[in-house]
Amino acid sequence: MPWQLDTSDSRFKSLFADFLTGSRVKSIDVSEDVTSILSEVKLLGDEALCSLTKRFDGVDLIPAAIRVSDSEIDSAFAEVTEEQIKSLEMAARRIQEYHDRQLPKNDVYTDESGVELGYRWLPLESVGLYVPGGKAAYPSSVLMSGLPAKVAGVKRMVMTVPAPNGDLNPLVLAAARMVGINEVYRIGGAQAIAALAYGTSSINPVDKIVGPGNAYVTEAKRQVFGTVGIDMIAGPSEILIYSDFSTDPSWIAADLLSQAEHDESAQSILITEDANFAEAVVKAIQTHLRDLPRAKIASSSWEEHGAIILVKDQNEAVSLINQIAPEHLEIAREDADKVVGEIRNAGAIFLGAYTPEALGDYIAGPSHVLPTSKSARFSSGLSVLDFCRRTSLMRFQQDSLARLGPSAICLAEAEGLYAHALSVRIRQS
């Protein structure tokens, strides 16, 4: 049964607190297993990758076959329909155009003291893109992670994707070729993260790893952080919809299920002032579930983690939205423009009845790699900036050093760092 919350209920505050803090992930500690996998790959390299791939994916792999060959990628194109290729190309064009506008600019200026200051942006040298391949294959994730890196100017892009029972999704390989990914490897799980972080004979290490995965992948990213950079620690997907009868309840029901079908731990939330509208949406969900191929997953997600929250007005709705800080927020109302100005915490916002979240997953333009589990309070979705480094620039001349040096000396001595003070003073004699 989905959560049923009403702000007029005297128990709402405590119930909402329970809702916010409730875990959607089964409490399974995989940290020791992941540590063991990372150590094995670090020590044994390709040998470990092959044995672990046999254990977890049921694939007999030899080091020479870890990398997906160019001929395999060419063959994948032949298996993909013309309509799928055209759709991928259209999505890729829109994603690239959106991220082109995010490219940061270098700057250098001279301040009033005569000090030359500035900064420059440089792309990362190499990036590892982890693409899930378990319950579903996601060619869209290849575009959403790879194209921001390409726009940033990353020269070496490496993709790892699990191949359960030896099967690789042709559309995933086609998307990799379209992005211009240099290397593709048929490995997944924590062992893939280890290979990207530490390197093996077949795979050179990268500077940063991006992309979502299961609990093992997530924990592996957590443990290798510092050796390499990571994008974020991603949790299960989530959607929050603020709506009313200005939008068809069956549309909203479909949108809620669009996230629920990802996996059983996903979360779908409806906030509305109208109890009748909420009831209509719940009925429509049951109708849609009769025909969905992934109905079992979607139903489990909705029953275990879904929520209907009744509020008395927009102010209450906005307050709750900002506390939940959803990954995806749909404002499917006629007054969406008025509401959005009050939203402070959301990974991505979809405005109006004709903007279902699913468009953002594929063809809208922004990356669909977004902060989950309330982390939109302090982080943003994947962008060009995630694949860049900013370096500060500064130049003093003799006169600007003379003007500002005494203050630096004073502060250095106050901190007891006398060599710092000396390095400034010695230039003023």
Protein backbone atom coordinates (compact mmCIF):
# COMPACT_ATOMS: atom_id res chain seq x y z
CA MET A 1 0.00 0.00 0.00
CA PRO A 2 1.51 3.39 -0.96
CA TRP A 3 2.05 5.97 1.75
CA GLN A 4 -1.10 8.06 2.36
CA LEU A 5 -0.20 11.38 3.98
CA ASP A 6 -2.34 14.44 4.66
CA THR A 7 -1.01 17.68 6.11
CA SER A 8 -4.28 18.17 7.99
CA ASP A 9 -3.58 15.00 9.98
CA SER A 10 -2.30 15.77 13.48
CA ARG A 11 0.31 13.03 13.01
CA PHE A 12 1.56 14.37 9.69
CA LYS A 13 4.83 15.84 10.97
CA SER A 14 6.03 12.57 12.51
CA LEU A 15 4.71 10.46 9.62
CA PHE A 16 6.42 12.69 7.06
CA ALA A 17 9.67 12.48 9.02
CA ASP A 18 9.41 8.67 8.91
CA PHE A 19 8.73 8.88 5.19
CA LEU A 20 11.78 11.07 4.58
CA THR A 21 14.15 8.89 6.57
CA GLY A 22 12.86 5.52 5.43
CA SER A 23 15.31 3.43 3.42
CA ARG A 24 14.28 2.14 0.00
CA VAL A 25 17.28 -0.13 -0.32
CA LYS A 26 17.45 -3.50 1.38
CA SER A 27 19.97 -3.36 4.19
CA ILE A 28 22.70 -5.52 2.69
CA ASP A 29 26.25 -4.62 3.61
CA VAL A 30 28.37 -5.30 0.55
CA SER A 31 31.38 -3.27 1.67
CA GLU A 32 33.53 -6.28 2.62
CA ASP A 33 32.69 -8.11 -0.60
CA VAL A 34 33.51 -5.02 -2.63
CA THR A 35 36.79 -4.49 -0.78
CA SER A 36 37.73 -8.07 -1.61
CA ILE A 37 36.84 -7.61 -5.30
CA LEU A 38 38.81 -4.37 -5.54
CA SER A 39 41.84 -5.98 -3.93
CA GLU A 40 41.64 -9.01 -6.20
CA VAL A 41 41.57 -6.86 -9.35
CA LYS A 42 44.32 -4.60 -8.03
CA LEU A 43 46.53 -7.64 -7.37
CA LEU A 44 45.68 -9.96 -10.27
CA GLY A 45 44.45 -7.60 -12.97
CA ASP A 46 42.97 -9.28 -16.05
CA GLU A 47 43.03 -12.70 -14.40
CA ALA A 48 40.70 -11.40 -11.70
CA LEU A 49 38.45 -9.67 -14.24
CA CYS A 50 37.98 -12.95 -16.09
CA SER A 51 37.30 -15.05 -13.01
CA LEU A 52 34.91 -12.48 -11.51
CA THR A 53 33.06 -12.12 -14.81
CA LYS A 54 32.63 -15.90 -14.87
CA ARG A 55 31.35 -15.86 -11.30
CA PHE A 56 28.90 -12.96 -11.61
CA ASP A 57 27.88 -12.87 -15.28
CA GLY A 58 28.29 -16.50 -16.31
CA VAL A 59 30.71 -15.60 -19.10
CA ASP A 60 33.93 -17.46 -19.90
CA LEU A 61 36.26 -14.59 -20.70
CA ILE A 62 39.90 -14.48 -21.69
CA PRO A 63 42.01 -11.32 -21.45
CA ALA A 64 42.15 -10.94 -25.24
CA ALA A 65 38.33 -10.75 -25.35
CA ILE A 66 37.79 -8.22 -22.55
CA ARG A 67 37.76 -5.39 -25.05
CA VAL A 68 34.83 -5.24 -27.48
CA SER A 69 36.27 -5.23 -30.99
CA ASP A 70 35.54 -2.65 -33.66
CA SER A 71 33.99 -5.38 -35.81
CA GLU A 72 31.55 -6.25 -33.01
CA ILE A 73 30.50 -2.61 -32.77
CA ASP A 74 30.11 -2.47 -36.55
CA SER A 75 27.92 -5.57 -36.41
CA ALA A 76 25.82 -3.96 -33.70
CA PHE A 77 24.91 -1.16 -36.10
CA ALA A 78 23.61 -3.77 -38.54
CA GLU A 79 21.29 -5.18 -35.87
CA VAL A 80 19.77 -1.82 -34.95
CA THR A 81 16.76 -0.55 -36.87
CA GLU A 82 16.92 2.60 -38.95
CA GLU A 83 14.27 4.19 -36.74
CA GLN A 84 16.36 3.49 -33.63
CA ILE A 85 19.48 4.99 -35.23
CA LYS A 86 17.59 8.11 -36.27
CA SER A 87 16.14 8.47 -32.78
CA LEU A 88 19.59 8.05 -31.20
CA GLU A 89 21.03 10.62 -33.60
CA MET A 90 18.27 13.11 -32.82
CA ALA A 91 18.76 12.62 -29.08
CA ALA A 92 22.54 12.94 -29.42
CA ARG A 93 22.22 16.18 -31.38
CA ARG A 94 19.92 17.73 -28.77
CA ILE A 95 22.08 16.60 -25.84
CA GLN A 96 25.23 17.95 -27.47
CA GLU A 97 23.60 21.30 -28.32
CA TYR A 98 22.40 21.70 -24.74
CA HIS A 99 25.82 20.96 -23.28
CA ASP A 100 27.64 23.15 -25.81
CA ARG A 101 26.05 26.10 -24.02
CA GLN A 102 27.61 25.00 -20.70
CA LEU A 103 31.22 25.30 -21.82
CA PRO A 104 32.96 27.59 -19.32
CA LYS A 105 35.19 30.45 -20.45
CA ASN A 106 38.67 31.37 -19.27
CA ASP A 107 39.20 34.79 -17.72
CA VAL A 108 42.19 36.99 -16.82
CA TYR A 109 41.99 40.51 -15.36
CA THR A 110 44.12 43.01 -13.41
CA ASP A 111 42.70 44.32 -10.15
CA GLU A 112 43.15 47.77 -8.58
CA SER A 113 46.37 46.70 -6.86
CA GLY A 114 47.96 45.72 -10.14
CA VAL A 115 47.69 41.98 -9.51
CA GLU A 116 46.92 39.85 -12.55
CA LEU A 117 44.32 37.23 -11.64
CA GLY A 118 42.30 34.68 -13.53
CA TYR A 119 41.47 31.09 -14.14
CA ARG A 120 41.50 28.60 -16.97
CA TRP A 121 39.46 25.49 -17.64
CA LEU A 122 40.92 22.24 -18.92
CA PRO A 123 39.17 18.96 -19.73
CA LEU A 124 39.96 15.79 -17.83
CA GLU A 125 42.45 13.54 -19.60
CA SER A 126 40.37 10.35 -19.34
CA VAL A 127 36.96 9.25 -18.11
CA GLY A 128 35.36 5.88 -17.40
CA LEU A 129 31.67 5.54 -18.21
CA TYR A 130 29.87 2.76 -16.38
CA VAL A 131 26.73 1.67 -18.22
CA PRO A 132 24.32 -0.69 -16.40
CA GLY A 133 23.39 -3.94 -18.09
CA GLY A 134 21.39 -5.89 -15.54
CA LYS A 135 17.59 -5.55 -15.40
CA ALA A 136 17.63 -3.32 -18.49
CA ALA A 137 20.08 -1.89 -21.00
CA TYR A 138 20.36 1.87 -21.29
CA PRO A 139 21.77 3.30 -24.53
CA SER A 140 20.41 6.65 -23.35
CA SER A 141 22.88 6.57 -20.44
CA VAL A 142 25.73 6.29 -22.93
CA LEU A 143 24.61 9.54 -24.56
CA MET A 144 23.82 11.30 -21.28
CA SER A 145 27.24 10.53 -19.75
CA GLY A 146 29.42 10.49 -22.84
CA LEU A 147 28.30 13.61 -24.67
CA PRO A 148 28.96 16.06 -21.80
CA ALA A 149 32.47 14.56 -21.59
CA LYS A 150 32.92 14.90 -25.34
CA VAL A 151 31.78 18.53 -25.31
CA ALA A 152 34.18 19.24 -22.43
CA GLY A 153 37.03 17.97 -24.61
CA VAL A 154 37.88 14.68 -22.88
CA LYS A 155 40.11 12.79 -25.30
CA ARG A 156 39.91 9.28 -23.85
CA MET A 157 36.48 7.91 -22.99
CA VAL A 158 36.31 4.32 -21.75
CA MET A 159 33.03 2.42 -21.39
CA THR A 160 32.45 -0.68 -19.32
CA VAL A 161 29.19 -2.59 -19.64
CA PRO A 162 28.31 -6.00 -18.19
CA ALA A 163 27.38 -8.74 -20.65
CA PRO A 164 25.22 -11.22 -18.71
CA ASN A 165 25.47 -14.62 -20.39
CA GLY A 166 27.68 -13.00 -23.00
CA ASP A 167 25.00 -10.74 -24.46
CA LEU A 168 25.72 -7.11 -25.29
CA ASN A 169 22.89 -4.78 -26.26
CA PRO A 170 23.47 -3.63 -29.88
CA LEU A 171 21.90 -0.24 -29.24
CA VAL A 172 24.32 0.40 -26.37
CA LEU A 173 27.26 -0.30 -28.67
CA ALA A 174 25.73 1.86 -31.41
CA ALA A 175 25.37 4.73 -28.92
CA ALA A 176 29.01 4.33 -27.89
CA ARG A 177 30.15 4.62 -31.51
CA MET A 178 27.91 7.65 -32.00
CA VAL A 179 29.43 9.44 -28.99
CA GLY A 180 32.98 8.62 -30.08
CA ILE A 181 33.90 6.44 -27.12
CA ASN A 182 37.40 5.14 -27.67
CA GLU A 183 37.30 1.88 -25.75
CA VAL A 184 34.50 -0.51 -24.74
CA TYR A 185 34.98 -3.42 -22.31
CA ARG A 186 32.55 -6.24 -21.56
CA ILE A 187 32.87 -6.18 -17.78
CA GLY A 188 30.55 -4.91 -15.07
CA GLY A 189 30.07 -4.74 -11.35
CA ALA A 190 32.65 -3.74 -8.77
CA GLN A 191 35.36 -5.40 -10.86
CA ALA A 192 34.76 -2.91 -13.68
CA ILE A 193 35.11 0.00 -11.26
CA ALA A 194 38.35 -1.52 -9.95
CA ALA A 195 39.74 -1.88 -13.47
CA LEU A 196 38.91 1.73 -14.31
CA ALA A 197 40.43 2.99 -11.06
CA TYR A 198 43.59 0.85 -10.81
CA GLY A 199 44.14 -0.37 -14.36
CA THR A 200 45.06 -3.83 -15.65
CA SER A 201 47.15 -5.10 -18.54
CA SER A 202 44.15 -4.62 -20.83
CA ILE A 203 42.68 -1.43 -19.37
CA ASN A 204 44.61 1.71 -18.52
CA PRO A 205 43.24 3.58 -15.49
CA VAL A 206 41.12 6.72 -15.88
CA ASP A 207 40.91 9.98 -13.96
CA LYS A 208 37.18 9.92 -13.18
CA ILE A 209 34.35 7.37 -13.19
CA VAL A 210 30.73 8.31 -13.89
CA GLY A 211 27.49 6.40 -14.27
CA PRO A 212 24.98 4.56 -12.06
CA GLY A 213 24.98 0.92 -11.07
CA ASN A 214 23.83 -1.58 -8.47
CA ALA A 215 24.83 -1.68 -4.80
CA TYR A 216 28.21 -3.25 -5.63
CA VAL A 217 29.01 -0.61 -8.23
CA THR A 218 27.94 2.20 -5.91
CA GLU A 219 30.04 0.88 -3.03
CA ALA A 220 33.01 0.34 -5.33
CA LYS A 221 32.82 3.96 -6.48
CA ARG A 222 32.70 5.05 -2.86
CA GLN A 223 35.83 3.03 -2.03
CA VAL A 224 37.93 4.10 -5.03
CA PHE A 225 37.15 7.79 -4.60
CA GLY A 226 40.43 9.57 -4.03
CA THR A 227 42.30 7.24 -6.34
CA VAL A 228 39.95 8.56 -9.01
CA GLY A 229 37.16 11.11 -9.07
CA ILE A 230 33.51 10.02 -9.20
CA ASP A 231 30.35 11.82 -10.25
CA MET A 232 28.08 10.95 -7.32
CA ILE A 233 26.80 8.16 -5.10
CA ALA A 234 23.51 7.41 -6.84
CA GLY A 235 20.52 5.81 -5.18
CA PRO A 236 17.28 4.41 -6.64
CA SER A 237 15.40 6.62 -9.08
CA GLU A 238 12.59 8.88 -7.92
CA ILE A 239 9.90 11.21 -9.25
CA LEU A 240 7.68 13.74 -7.50
CA ILE A 241 4.68 15.20 -9.32
CA TYR A 242 2.76 18.25 -8.14
CA SER A 243 -0.49 18.29 -10.09
CA ASP A 244 -4.26 18.76 -10.17
CA PHE A 245 -7.24 18.25 -12.50
CA SER A 246 -5.75 20.69 -15.02
CA THR A 247 -3.86 17.58 -16.19
CA ASP A 248 -5.44 14.24 -17.11
CA PRO A 249 -5.08 11.84 -14.13
CA SER A 250 -4.15 8.99 -16.49
CA TRP A 251 -1.19 11.04 -17.75
CA ILE A 252 0.04 11.56 -14.21
CA ALA A 253 -0.43 7.88 -13.43
CA ALA A 254 1.72 6.96 -16.42
CA ASP A 255 4.41 9.42 -15.31
CA LEU A 256 4.50 7.95 -11.81
CA LEU A 257 4.89 4.46 -13.26
CA SER A 258 7.64 5.63 -15.62
CA GLN A 259 9.98 5.72 -12.65
CA ALA A 260 8.40 2.86 -10.72
CA GLU A 261 9.25 0.47 -13.57
CA HIS A 262 12.99 1.12 -13.18
CA ASP A 263 13.27 -1.16 -10.17
CA GLU A 264 11.48 -2.17 -7.00
CA SER A 265 13.36 0.45 -4.95
CA ALA A 266 12.33 3.40 -7.13
CA GLN A 267 9.94 5.93 -5.65
CA SER A 268 6.97 7.80 -7.13
CA ILE A 269 5.24 10.59 -5.20
CA LEU A 270 2.12 12.64 -5.99
CA ILE A 271 1.42 15.90 -4.17
CA THR A 272 -1.97 17.53 -4.73
CA GLU A 273 -4.57 19.65 -2.97
CA ASP A 274 -7.40 17.58 -4.45
CA ALA A 275 -8.34 14.23 -2.86
CA ASN A 276 -10.60 13.38 -5.80
CA PHE A 277 -7.73 13.93 -8.22
CA ALA A 278 -5.48 11.69 -6.12
CA GLU A 279 -8.13 8.96 -6.17
CA ALA A 280 -8.45 9.25 -9.95
CA VAL A 281 -4.67 8.92 -10.35
CA VAL A 282 -4.58 5.79 -8.16
CA LYS A 283 -7.34 4.20 -10.24
CA ALA A 284 -5.49 5.07 -13.45
CA ILE A 285 -2.31 3.46 -12.07
CA GLN A 286 -4.16 0.19 -11.59
CA THR A 287 -5.49 0.39 -15.13
CA HIS A 288 -2.04 1.02 -16.64
CA LEU A 289 -0.50 -1.81 -14.64
CA ARG A 290 -2.69 -4.34 -16.43
CA ASP A 291 -0.83 -3.76 -19.68
CA LEU A 292 2.74 -2.84 -18.70
CA PRO A 293 5.39 -5.48 -19.49
CA ARG A 294 7.28 -4.47 -16.33
CA ALA A 295 4.12 -4.35 -14.23
CA LYS A 296 5.54 -6.61 -11.52
CA ILE A 297 8.48 -4.28 -10.87
CA ALA A 298 6.38 -1.11 -11.17
CA SER A 299 3.66 -2.48 -8.90
CA SER A 300 6.16 -3.48 -6.24
CA SER A 301 7.79 -0.05 -6.33
CA TRP A 302 4.44 1.74 -6.10
CA GLU A 303 3.06 -0.43 -3.32
CA GLU A 304 6.23 -0.37 -1.21
CA HIS A 305 7.56 3.14 -1.77
CA GLY A 306 4.94 5.21 -3.59
CA ALA A 307 3.17 8.07 -1.84
CA ILE A 308 0.13 10.31 -2.12
CA ILE A 309 0.48 13.53 -0.13
CA LEU A 310 -2.54 15.81 0.27
CA VAL A 311 -1.80 19.47 1.03
CA LYS A 312 -4.05 22.44 1.65
CA ASP A 313 -2.26 24.93 -0.61
CA GLN A 314 0.76 25.72 -2.78
CA ASN A 315 2.87 26.95 0.13
CA GLU A 316 2.62 23.56 1.83
CA ALA A 317 3.38 21.78 -1.43
CA VAL A 318 6.49 23.85 -2.11
CA SER A 319 7.76 23.34 1.44
CA LEU A 320 7.42 19.57 1.15
CA ILE A 321 9.01 19.48 -2.30
CA ASN A 322 12.05 21.37 -1.04
CA GLN A 323 12.38 18.98 1.90
CA ILE A 324 12.11 15.89 -0.31
CA ALA A 325 14.55 17.39 -2.88
CA PRO A 326 13.47 14.96 -5.61
CA GLU A 327 15.63 13.72 -8.45
CA HIS A 328 12.83 14.49 -10.93
CA LEU A 329 10.10 17.06 -10.28
CA GLU A 330 7.08 17.46 -12.55
CA ILE A 331 4.91 20.54 -12.03
CA ALA A 332 1.96 19.49 -14.17
CA ARG A 333 -0.26 22.48 -13.42
CA GLU A 334 -1.45 25.58 -15.22
CA ASP A 335 0.40 27.75 -12.68
CA ALA A 336 3.71 25.89 -13.14
CA ASP A 337 5.65 29.09 -13.86
CA LYS A 338 4.48 30.57 -10.57
CA VAL A 339 5.39 27.46 -8.60
CA VAL A 340 8.84 26.86 -10.08
CA GLY A 341 10.19 30.15 -8.76
CA GLU A 342 9.78 28.82 -5.22
CA ILE A 343 11.56 25.50 -5.80
CA ARG A 344 15.06 25.34 -4.33
CA ASN A 345 15.85 21.63 -4.30
CA ALA A 346 15.32 19.40 -7.33
CA GLY A 347 17.61 17.57 -9.74
CA ALA A 348 15.55 18.45 -12.83
CA ILE A 349 12.21 20.21 -13.21
CA PHE A 350 9.62 19.41 -15.89
CA LEU A 351 7.12 22.20 -16.45
CA GLY A 352 3.55 21.81 -17.67
CA ALA A 353 1.26 18.97 -18.64
CA TYR A 354 3.09 18.21 -21.88
CA THR A 355 6.51 17.65 -20.31
CA PRO A 356 6.62 14.12 -18.89
CA GLU A 357 9.85 13.15 -17.17
CA ALA A 358 10.44 10.46 -19.80
CA LEU A 359 11.34 13.19 -22.33
CA GLY A 360 14.21 14.16 -20.05
CA ASP A 361 15.42 10.56 -20.02
CA TYR A 362 15.90 10.57 -23.77
CA ILE A 363 15.61 13.64 -25.95
CA ALA A 364 15.08 16.89 -24.04
CA GLY A 365 18.78 17.78 -23.79
CA PRO A 366 19.96 17.96 -20.14
CA SER A 367 21.74 14.89 -18.80
CA HIS A 368 19.46 12.44 -17.00
CA VAL A 369 22.26 11.57 -14.54
CA LEU A 370 20.84 13.41 -11.53
CA PRO A 371 21.23 13.59 -7.75
CA THR A 372 19.02 11.20 -5.78
CA SER A 373 18.11 10.56 -2.13
CA LYS A 374 17.74 14.24 -1.20
CA SER A 375 21.23 15.09 -2.50
CA ALA A 376 19.72 17.72 -4.81
CA ARG A 377 20.01 19.92 -1.71
CA PHE A 378 23.75 20.20 -2.35
CA SER A 379 24.56 18.78 -5.78
CA SER A 380 23.59 19.05 -9.43
CA GLY A 381 23.02 16.80 -12.39
CA LEU A 382 25.91 15.68 -14.60
CA SER A 383 27.19 18.48 -16.85
CA VAL A 384 30.17 19.64 -18.86
CA LEU A 385 31.66 21.05 -15.65
CA ASP A 386 31.96 17.53 -14.22
CA PHE A 387 34.53 16.79 -16.92
CA CYS A 388 36.57 19.99 -16.48
CA ARG A 389 39.14 21.26 -14.00
CA ARG A 390 39.53 24.93 -13.09
CA THR A 391 43.02 26.20 -12.35
CA SER A 392 43.64 29.59 -10.75
CA LEU A 393 46.15 32.02 -12.24
CA MET A 394 47.90 34.94 -10.47
CA ARG A 395 50.84 37.23 -11.15
CA PHE A 396 52.30 39.91 -8.84
CA GLN A 397 54.78 42.57 -9.93
CA GLN A 398 57.26 44.32 -7.64
CA ASP A 399 54.92 47.25 -6.95
CA SER A 400 51.82 45.09 -6.26
CA LEU A 401 53.90 42.86 -3.98
CA ALA A 402 55.05 45.96 -2.09
CA ARG A 403 51.44 47.07 -1.60
CA LEU A 404 49.95 43.74 -0.50
CA GLY A 405 52.94 41.82 0.89
CA PRO A 406 52.88 43.30 4.41
CA SER A 407 49.35 41.96 4.98
CA ALA A 408 50.41 38.50 3.83
CA ILE A 409 53.42 38.65 6.20
CA CYS A 410 51.17 39.71 9.08
CA LEU A 411 48.73 36.86 8.52
CA ALA A 412 51.48 34.26 8.05
CA GLU A 413 53.16 35.24 11.33
CA ALA A 414 49.80 35.23 13.11
CA GLU A 415 49.44 31.59 12.04
CA GLY A 416 53.00 30.79 13.15
CA LEU A 417 54.14 30.02 9.59
CA TYR A 418 57.38 32.01 9.47
CA ALA A 419 58.76 30.50 6.26
CA HIS A 420 55.60 31.72 4.56
CA ALA A 421 56.31 35.21 5.88
CA LEU A 422 59.97 34.97 4.88
CA SER A 423 59.13 33.99 1.28
CA VAL A 424 57.22 37.27 0.93
CA ARG A 425 59.54 39.51 2.96
CA ILE A 426 62.68 38.33 1.15
CA ARG A 427 61.29 39.71 -2.13
CA GLN A 428 60.75 43.16 -0.63
CA SER A 429 64.33 43.81 0.49
